[in-house]
Each structure stands twice: as structure tokens, then as C-alpha cells.
């Protein structure tokens, strides 16, 4: 991570910013105000949910790269519910919005899961391609007046949905001058619950068995294909909830570019965490602050915000390289000599103990 940060500073210098000014702008964007901290926590919550879903699928030996499309599906469903529940209280509307988002994300990932278990199609390919379909669906629903586009009142009306009803807005954490919402608590609860599920329950053990050796798991009588379908669909549900949280937070509308690469950044978190839910929480917070800092980096220092994406990618490369190096070193080490038991002398007595 240190090496990735150093290269990031070099890229900032190439872009024309002094390293000191770039570091100052990055710090201000991450921790410079209560607003910056709150925005970073909201981003971290979104990444955390996507990464939790990735970890569940990875537990069963599958790779979910469709977080972006699943976020879009969840956001569309959440917007449809949040703009129509006009008379219900927040205690009903907010859960309904998130349940709709989870169901949409589940259904979206279930397409790839079905193709995986029934047709043997690689879930990497199908989830990746479904991302583009999800992004296109967002464009469709916010441009089509018959769907979710807000009523056109002038030529300057933006292609976006109508705002969600106030009852569908996520409650704030109560930090003064901060946009932080309860999304962080929802994400932490999801990570904690998933950690218990995969480590303390029979279902988690079965998922692990399927991920390690599906053939052996099938011989033991485990429903391998059903568990794979469940894990990948559940990953989609978590990403769908992330999409619901995005539209239920300010500015409370569905618009183009809503996902903003959160699905791929969540994938980065999952890869860096390497199956540890505690690491998912830590890395999500790290990248959440980096993403928010990258926005201010562009505004204050003129450094492209994509520099943060470069740093994220370098983290993956360096950590994967370190893991490969460690594995190679272990394989090259000679095996420890096994203790040799003394050779027993030929037995010269019979079973009764008498000489032969």
C-alpha cells in the first residue's frame, strides 16, 4: 500500500501538482471537515456492502464482478418504491425501499447464477456483461417519461427521476454538519452478520466445502449447484441494497452515473480483503476516504480523480504479487526431514512369547 501511495504521488507530480499540495488536498478531502468525513463514511458503506456480497460468492468458489449492474438494478427498484409510497411513514417506507432494492439485486444476480449452475457459463463473463445492461437500464428509465423520469417542466429539466418522498430518506447519524447516514450501520451489520454466517453456521461450512472442492462436496451429498446459486444471488442482494442506499441518500434521485464505479471499487475491496470480513470493513473505510479525498484532489490541486483508481489497481497488483511471491518461496523451501523410526529387529518369539 505504501508503494502504491508513492506511485500515486509521482502521478500527481506528473499532472503538475506539488506533492505537498496534493497531500494537503487529499487530506482535506478525507478529514478536513465533518462534511468530508460524513461523505467518506457514506462511500465506505456502499463499498462495504458490495464487498460483503463478493466475499459470500467467493466463499463458494464464485467471482461476482457484477456489482455495478446489481447496484443499478437495486437503485431502479428502490426509486420505483420510494417515489410511489407517498402516505406511508418512514418506518415502513425505508425498509420497503431497501427490501425492493435487495430483491432487485438478487434477481439480477440470479440470471448469472442460473446460467452458471444450469449451463456452466462462467459467472465472470455473465456478471460483467450484465453490468452494461444495468447501466443502460438506468439511462432508459431516467430518459423515458413513461417510466421514472421526472415531469418535464422546461428545456433544462435534467434526465433524472422525481425525488424520493421524504419518508424514504435515510436517517442521518446526527453528526452536526455531516451527511453521514445510517447506511454505515447497515453495512457494518451486514458484515458482522455475514462473518457469523460463514464461520459459525453449518451453511457457512457447506459454502466453504463447495468453494474448496466441489467434487468432494458433491460426494458428501451437499447440493453444490443450489449452494452456488444461493451464494451468487445473495451477493447480488447486498449490491442491490447498496444501490438502494445511494438513491435514499442526498440528492434522493436516480440519475445517470449513479453507480460511479462503486461496483468495481467494491470488487477491489473484496479482492484486497481476501475473504476476511474484518478486512472488508477496514479496506472499505480506507478506500471510502480515498475516493472522497480524490474528488477534492481534483478540485483543489487539479489532479485527475482517476489517480485514486490507479492507486487502487496498484494495491491489487502489489498484494497479489506479494501473495504469489510468498507461495513461490514456500514451494521452493525443502521439506523438513521426517524422523526415521528405528528398524525393528526380526521377531524371534511366537505370540505366546516362547522362542521359535
Protein backbone atom coordinates (compact mmCIF):
# COMPACT_ATOMS: atom_id res chain seq x y z
CA UNK A 1 0.00 0.00 0.00
CA UNK A 2 2.91 2.33 0.76
CA UNK A 3 4.40 1.66 -2.68
CA UNK A 4 1.03 2.38 -4.32
CA UNK A 5 0.81 5.66 -2.42
CA UNK A 6 4.29 6.69 -3.53
CA UNK A 7 3.43 5.99 -7.16
CA UNK A 8 0.23 8.00 -6.68
CA UNK A 9 2.29 10.98 -5.54
CA UNK A 10 4.53 10.59 -8.58
CA UNK A 11 1.47 10.64 -10.84
CA UNK A 12 0.22 13.77 -9.06
CA UNK A 13 3.58 15.42 -9.69
CA UNK A 14 3.41 14.44 -13.36
CA UNK A 15 -0.04 16.08 -13.50
CA UNK A 16 1.58 19.33 -12.37
CA UNK A 17 0.77 19.37 -8.66
CA UNK A 18 3.40 19.66 -5.96
CA UNK A 19 3.46 16.55 -3.74
CA UNK A 20 2.82 18.69 -0.66
CA UNK A 21 -0.19 20.40 -2.23
CA UNK A 22 -1.55 17.06 -3.44
CA UNK A 23 -1.22 15.51 0.02
CA UNK A 24 -2.87 18.54 1.60
CA UNK A 25 -5.79 18.43 -0.84
CA UNK A 26 -6.20 14.69 -0.31
CA UNK A 27 -6.18 15.10 3.47
CA UNK A 28 -8.70 17.94 3.34
CA UNK A 29 -11.00 15.83 1.19
CA UNK A 30 -10.81 12.94 3.61
CA UNK A 31 -10.69 14.53 7.08
CA UNK A 32 -10.80 18.29 6.54
CA UNK A 33 -14.35 18.78 7.82
CA UNK A 34 -17.32 16.98 9.31
CA UNK A 35 -18.92 17.05 5.88
CA UNK A 36 -15.89 15.37 4.29
CA UNK A 37 -15.82 12.65 6.94
CA UNK A 38 -19.55 12.02 6.58
CA UNK A 39 -19.32 11.77 2.80
CA UNK A 40 -16.40 9.34 3.14
CA UNK A 41 -18.37 7.14 5.54
CA UNK A 42 -21.29 7.00 3.12
CA UNK A 43 -18.96 5.90 0.31
CA UNK A 44 -17.37 3.31 2.61
CA UNK A 45 -20.79 1.87 3.45
CA UNK A 46 -21.57 1.37 -0.23
CA UNK A 47 -18.23 -0.31 -0.91
CA UNK A 48 -18.61 -2.47 2.18
CA UNK A 49 -21.95 -3.92 1.06
CA UNK A 50 -20.63 -4.77 -2.40
CA UNK A 51 -17.53 -6.37 -0.87
CA UNK A 52 -19.58 -8.42 1.60
CA UNK A 53 -21.54 -9.84 -1.32
CA UNK A 54 -18.33 -10.56 -3.21
CA UNK A 55 -16.98 -12.43 -0.17
CA UNK A 56 -20.06 -14.65 0.10
CA UNK A 57 -19.83 -15.64 -3.56
CA UNK A 58 -16.08 -16.16 -3.29
CA UNK A 59 -16.67 -18.43 -0.31
CA UNK A 60 -18.46 -20.81 -2.68
CA UNK A 61 -15.75 -20.55 -5.31
CA UNK A 62 -17.50 -17.96 -7.50
CA UNK A 63 -16.38 -14.49 -8.57
CA UNK A 64 -19.02 -11.77 -8.72
CA UNK A 65 -17.85 -8.89 -10.89
CA UNK A 66 -21.39 -7.65 -11.49
CA UNK A 67 -21.69 -5.28 -8.56
CA UNK A 68 -22.13 -2.31 -10.87
CA UNK A 69 -25.18 -3.76 -12.63
CA UNK A 70 -26.65 -5.06 -9.38
CA UNK A 71 -26.33 -1.59 -7.85
CA UNK A 72 -28.22 -0.18 -10.83
CA UNK A 73 -30.98 -2.78 -10.51
CA UNK A 74 -31.35 -2.09 -6.80
CA UNK A 75 -31.39 1.66 -7.37
CA UNK A 76 -34.12 1.40 -10.01
CA UNK A 77 -36.33 -0.74 -7.76
CA UNK A 78 -35.71 1.50 -4.75
CA UNK A 79 -36.63 4.58 -6.79
CA UNK A 80 -39.83 2.96 -8.04
CA UNK A 81 -40.90 2.23 -4.47
CA UNK A 82 -39.60 5.45 -2.94
CA UNK A 83 -41.44 7.68 -5.39
CA UNK A 84 -44.78 5.89 -5.05
CA UNK A 85 -45.07 5.38 -1.27
CA UNK A 86 -46.46 8.83 -0.58
CA UNK A 87 -48.58 8.32 2.51
CA UNK A 88 -46.66 5.69 4.48
CA UNK A 89 -44.45 6.60 7.45
CA UNK A 90 -40.67 6.33 7.32
CA UNK A 91 -40.72 3.20 9.49
CA UNK A 92 -42.46 1.43 6.61
CA UNK A 93 -41.13 3.27 3.57
CA UNK A 94 -37.39 2.97 4.27
CA UNK A 95 -37.49 -0.81 4.87
CA UNK A 96 -39.72 -1.22 1.80
CA UNK A 97 -37.21 0.70 -0.32
CA UNK A 98 -34.30 -1.44 0.88
CA UNK A 99 -36.22 -4.71 0.54
CA UNK A 100 -37.14 -3.80 -3.03
CA UNK A 101 -33.50 -2.97 -3.74
CA UNK A 102 -32.33 -6.29 -2.28
CA UNK A 103 -34.93 -8.24 -4.28
CA UNK A 104 -33.90 -6.50 -7.50
CA UNK A 105 -30.21 -7.14 -6.87
CA UNK A 106 -30.95 -10.77 -6.01
CA UNK A 107 -32.97 -11.23 -9.21
CA UNK A 108 -30.30 -9.54 -11.32
CA UNK A 109 -27.54 -11.79 -9.98
CA UNK A 110 -29.84 -14.82 -10.23
CA UNK A 111 -29.65 -14.54 -14.03
CA UNK A 112 -25.92 -15.19 -13.93
CA UNK A 113 -26.33 -17.78 -11.16
CA UNK A 114 -28.86 -19.74 -13.22
CA UNK A 115 -26.60 -19.73 -16.26
CA UNK A 116 -23.72 -20.92 -14.06
CA UNK A 117 -25.47 -23.86 -12.44
CA UNK A 118 -27.61 -24.94 -15.41
CA UNK A 119 -25.45 -24.15 -18.42
CA UNK A 120 -21.97 -23.98 -16.94
CA UNK A 121 -21.48 -20.43 -18.22
CA UNK A 122 -18.71 -18.55 -16.45
CA UNK A 123 -20.19 -16.19 -13.88
CA UNK A 124 -17.30 -13.80 -14.52
CA UNK A 125 -18.45 -13.25 -18.09
CA UNK A 126 -22.18 -13.08 -17.38
CA UNK A 127 -21.96 -10.75 -14.38
CA UNK A 128 -19.55 -8.50 -16.26
CA UNK A 129 -21.84 -8.24 -19.28
CA UNK A 130 -24.90 -7.65 -17.09
CA UNK A 131 -23.15 -4.54 -15.79
CA UNK A 132 -23.59 -2.88 -19.17
CA UNK A 133 -27.24 -3.90 -19.30
CA UNK A 134 -27.84 -2.43 -15.85
CA UNK A 135 -26.17 0.85 -16.75
CA UNK A 136 -28.25 1.02 -19.94
CA UNK A 137 -31.44 0.40 -17.96
CA UNK A 138 -30.69 3.40 -15.75
CA UNK A 139 -30.32 5.54 -18.86
CA UNK A 140 -33.61 4.20 -20.19
CA UNK A 141 -35.72 4.79 -17.09
CA UNK A 142 -34.42 8.32 -16.46
CA UNK A 143 -34.94 9.39 -20.08
CA UNK A 144 -38.33 7.78 -20.68
CA UNK A 145 -41.26 9.84 -19.32
CA UNK A 146 -43.43 6.72 -19.14
CA UNK A 147 -41.00 5.15 -16.67
CA UNK A 148 -39.21 7.05 -13.89
CA UNK A 149 -38.20 10.35 -15.47
CA UNK A 150 -39.37 13.41 -13.56
CA UNK A 151 -42.05 15.52 -15.26
CA UNK A 152 -40.50 17.82 -17.85
CA UNK A 153 -41.19 21.42 -16.82
CA UNK A 154 -38.65 23.19 -19.03
CA UNK A 155 -35.91 22.55 -21.54
CA UNK A 156 -33.43 22.49 -18.66
CA UNK A 157 -35.13 19.64 -16.80
CA UNK A 158 -32.45 17.07 -16.09
CA UNK A 159 -32.93 13.43 -17.14
CA UNK A 160 -33.43 12.00 -13.69
CA UNK A 161 -36.21 10.58 -11.57
CA UNK A 162 -38.52 12.53 -9.36
CA UNK A 163 -37.15 12.90 -5.81
CA UNK A 164 -37.99 10.15 -3.35
CA UNK A 165 -40.66 11.01 -0.84
CA UNK A 166 -39.29 12.41 2.45
CA UNK A 167 -40.39 9.24 4.23
CA UNK A 168 -37.97 7.25 2.04
CA UNK A 169 -34.93 9.30 3.02
CA UNK A 170 -32.31 7.52 5.12
CA UNK A 171 -31.99 8.96 8.63
CA UNK A 172 -28.81 10.88 9.36
CA UNK A 173 -26.38 9.75 12.05
CA UNK A 174 -26.91 13.04 13.85
CA UNK A 175 -23.38 14.37 13.43
CA UNK A 176 -23.51 18.15 13.09
CA UNK A 177 -22.88 19.43 9.55
CA UNK A 178 -22.33 15.88 8.32
CA UNK A 179 -24.21 13.97 5.58
CA UNK A 180 -23.41 10.61 7.20
CA UNK A 181 -26.47 8.36 7.27
CA UNK A 182 -27.40 5.06 8.90
CA UNK A 183 -26.01 3.39 5.77
CA UNK A 184 -22.80 2.84 7.73
CA UNK A 185 -24.63 0.93 10.47
CA UNK A 186 -26.48 -1.13 7.88
CA UNK A 187 -23.21 -2.06 6.17
CA UNK A 188 -21.49 -2.90 9.46
CA UNK A 189 -24.45 -5.06 10.49
CA UNK A 190 -24.28 -6.86 7.15
CA UNK A 191 -20.55 -7.51 7.56
CA UNK A 192 -20.95 -8.73 11.15
CA UNK A 193 -23.89 -10.97 10.31
CA UNK A 194 -22.11 -12.43 7.31
CA UNK A 195 -18.99 -13.13 9.39
CA UNK A 196 -21.11 -15.14 11.82
CA UNK A 197 -22.85 -16.92 8.95
CA UNK A 198 -19.71 -18.07 7.15
CA UNK A 199 -17.73 -19.00 10.27
CA UNK A 200 -20.25 -20.17 12.86
CA UNK A 201 -23.04 -21.90 10.95
CA UNK A 202 -23.49 -25.12 9.01
CA UNK A 203 -24.39 -23.14 5.90
CA UNK A 204 -21.06 -21.32 6.04
CA UNK A 205 -19.22 -24.63 6.35
CA UNK A 206 -21.08 -26.01 3.35
CA UNK A 207 -20.27 -22.95 1.27
CA UNK A 208 -16.62 -23.33 2.23
CA UNK A 209 -16.64 -27.00 1.27
CA UNK A 210 -18.15 -26.19 -2.12
CA UNK A 211 -15.57 -23.49 -2.69
CA UNK A 212 -12.61 -25.68 -1.76
CA UNK A 213 -13.59 -28.86 -3.61
CA UNK A 214 -17.00 -29.05 -5.30
CA UNK A 215 -16.45 -32.65 -6.41
CA UNK A 216 -15.75 -33.84 -2.87
CA UNK A 217 -18.67 -31.77 -1.56
CA UNK A 218 -20.98 -33.45 -4.09
CA UNK A 219 -19.77 -36.90 -3.00
CA UNK A 220 -20.64 -35.97 0.57
CA UNK A 221 -24.18 -35.22 -0.53
CA UNK A 222 -24.08 -31.42 -0.49
CA UNK A 223 -26.33 -29.62 -3.01
CA UNK A 224 -23.42 -27.94 -4.79
CA UNK A 225 -25.38 -26.19 -7.52
CA UNK A 226 -28.03 -24.94 -5.11
CA UNK A 227 -25.38 -23.51 -2.79
CA UNK A 228 -23.64 -21.81 -5.70
CA UNK A 229 -26.93 -20.28 -6.84
CA UNK A 230 -27.65 -19.10 -3.31
CA UNK A 231 -24.22 -17.52 -2.81
CA UNK A 232 -24.14 -15.60 -6.09
CA UNK A 233 -27.74 -14.41 -5.75
CA UNK A 234 -27.05 -13.27 -2.19
CA UNK A 235 -24.08 -11.28 -3.45
CA UNK A 236 -26.45 -9.50 -5.81
CA UNK A 237 -28.83 -8.75 -2.96
CA UNK A 238 -26.11 -6.96 -0.98
CA UNK A 239 -25.11 -4.91 -4.02
CA UNK A 240 -28.76 -4.13 -4.64
CA UNK A 241 -29.09 -2.76 -1.12
CA UNK A 242 -26.06 -0.59 -1.83
CA UNK A 243 -27.92 0.85 -4.81
CA UNK A 244 -30.96 1.47 -2.65
CA UNK A 245 -28.85 3.34 -0.12
CA UNK A 246 -27.45 5.55 -2.87
CA UNK A 247 -30.86 6.78 -4.03
CA UNK A 248 -32.17 7.05 -0.46
CA UNK A 249 -29.34 9.48 0.34
CA UNK A 250 -28.92 13.05 -0.90
CA UNK A 251 -29.86 14.16 -3.55
CA UNK A 252 -32.56 11.42 -3.34
CA UNK A 253 -32.91 10.90 -7.11
CA UNK A 254 -31.97 8.30 -9.68
CA UNK A 255 -29.72 9.85 -12.31
CA UNK A 256 -27.11 8.92 -14.88
CA UNK A 257 -23.80 7.85 -13.41
CA UNK A 258 -25.39 6.93 -10.09
CA UNK A 259 -23.14 3.92 -9.53
CA UNK A 260 -19.97 5.98 -10.16
CA UNK A 261 -17.80 2.86 -10.29
CA UNK A 262 -18.83 1.71 -6.80
CA UNK A 263 -19.34 -1.83 -8.07
CA UNK A 264 -15.78 -2.13 -9.32
CA UNK A 265 -14.35 -0.40 -6.25
CA UNK A 266 -16.27 -2.86 -4.08
CA UNK A 267 -14.70 -5.64 -6.12
CA UNK A 268 -11.31 -4.15 -5.28
CA UNK A 269 -12.22 -4.21 -1.58
CA UNK A 270 -13.24 -7.86 -1.81
CA UNK A 271 -10.02 -8.82 -3.56
CA UNK A 272 -7.85 -6.96 -1.08
CA UNK A 273 -9.73 -8.41 1.91
CA UNK A 274 -9.11 -11.99 0.67
CA UNK A 275 -12.11 -13.49 2.39
CA UNK A 276 -11.80 -11.73 5.76
CA UNK A 277 -14.90 -9.75 6.78
CA UNK A 278 -12.84 -7.72 9.26
CA UNK A 279 -10.54 -6.77 6.40
CA UNK A 280 -13.60 -5.88 4.31
CA UNK A 281 -14.59 -3.29 6.92
CA UNK A 282 -11.07 -1.87 7.19
CA UNK A 283 -10.38 -1.70 3.45
CA UNK A 284 -13.83 -0.23 2.75
CA UNK A 285 -13.13 2.60 5.17
CA UNK A 286 -9.70 3.15 3.62
CA UNK A 287 -10.98 3.30 0.05
CA UNK A 288 -14.05 5.28 1.09
CA UNK A 289 -11.84 8.04 2.43
CA UNK A 290 -9.54 7.77 -0.60
CA UNK A 291 -12.45 8.18 -3.03
CA UNK A 292 -13.72 11.27 -1.22
CA UNK A 293 -10.20 12.64 -0.99
CA UNK A 294 -9.70 12.03 -4.70
CA UNK A 295 -12.64 14.29 -5.54
CA UNK A 296 -11.09 17.15 -3.57
CA UNK A 297 -7.72 16.28 -5.09
CA UNK A 298 -9.13 17.13 -8.49
CA UNK A 299 -10.94 20.26 -7.33
CA UNK A 300 -8.16 21.78 -5.21
CA UNK A 301 -4.95 20.53 -6.83
CA UNK A 302 -6.02 19.88 -10.41
CA UNK A 303 -5.01 16.21 -10.20
CA UNK A 304 -7.37 13.82 -12.04
CA UNK A 305 -9.57 11.91 -9.60
CA UNK A 306 -8.74 8.79 -11.62
CA UNK A 307 -5.39 8.83 -9.82
CA UNK A 308 -7.19 7.17 -6.91
CA UNK A 309 -8.34 4.39 -9.27
CA UNK A 310 -4.73 3.90 -10.32
CA UNK A 311 -3.70 3.60 -6.67
CA UNK A 312 -6.47 1.04 -6.08
CA UNK A 313 -5.31 -1.02 -9.05
CA UNK A 314 -1.70 -0.87 -7.88
CA UNK A 315 -2.76 -2.11 -4.45
CA UNK A 316 -4.26 -5.21 -6.08
CA UNK A 317 -1.17 -5.79 -8.20
CA UNK A 318 1.24 -5.43 -5.27
CA UNK A 319 -0.80 -7.54 -2.84
CA UNK A 320 -1.37 -10.25 -5.45
CA UNK A 321 2.34 -10.17 -6.27
CA UNK A 322 3.25 -10.48 -2.59
CA UNK A 323 0.91 -13.45 -2.20
CA UNK A 324 2.37 -15.13 -5.28
CA UNK A 325 5.91 -14.48 -4.05
CA UNK A 326 5.11 -15.96 -0.64
CA UNK A 327 3.55 -19.04 -2.24
CA UNK A 328 6.56 -19.50 -4.52
CA UNK A 329 9.01 -19.21 -1.61
CA UNK A 330 7.10 -21.80 0.39
CA UNK A 331 7.09 -24.23 -2.51
CA UNK A 332 10.82 -23.78 -3.09
CA UNK A 333 11.74 -24.46 0.53
CA UNK A 334 12.93 -28.05 1.07
CA UNK A 335 10.61 -30.17 3.10
CA UNK A 336 11.66 -30.76 6.67
CA UNK A 337 13.21 -34.20 7.14
CA UNK A 338 10.87 -36.65 8.76
CA UNK A 339 12.14 -38.53 11.83
CA UNK A 340 13.16 -42.06 10.96
CA UNK A 341 11.83 -44.69 13.29
CA UNK A 342 14.29 -47.41 14.31
CA UNK A 343 14.08 -50.60 12.30
CA UNK A 344 12.65 -53.29 14.46
CA UNK A 345 14.67 -56.49 14.72
CA UNK A 346 13.06 -59.64 13.38
CA UNK A 347 10.71 -61.12 15.88
CA UNK A 348 12.05 -64.40 17.20
CA UNK A 349 9.19 -65.23 19.52
CA UNK A 350 5.75 -66.52 18.80
CA UNK A 351 2.54 -64.95 20.02
CA UNK A 352 2.76 -66.74 23.31
CA UNK A 353 6.21 -65.38 23.98
CA UNK A 354 8.00 -68.68 23.60
CA UNK A 355 11.12 -68.92 21.44
CA UNK A 356 10.59 -70.28 17.95
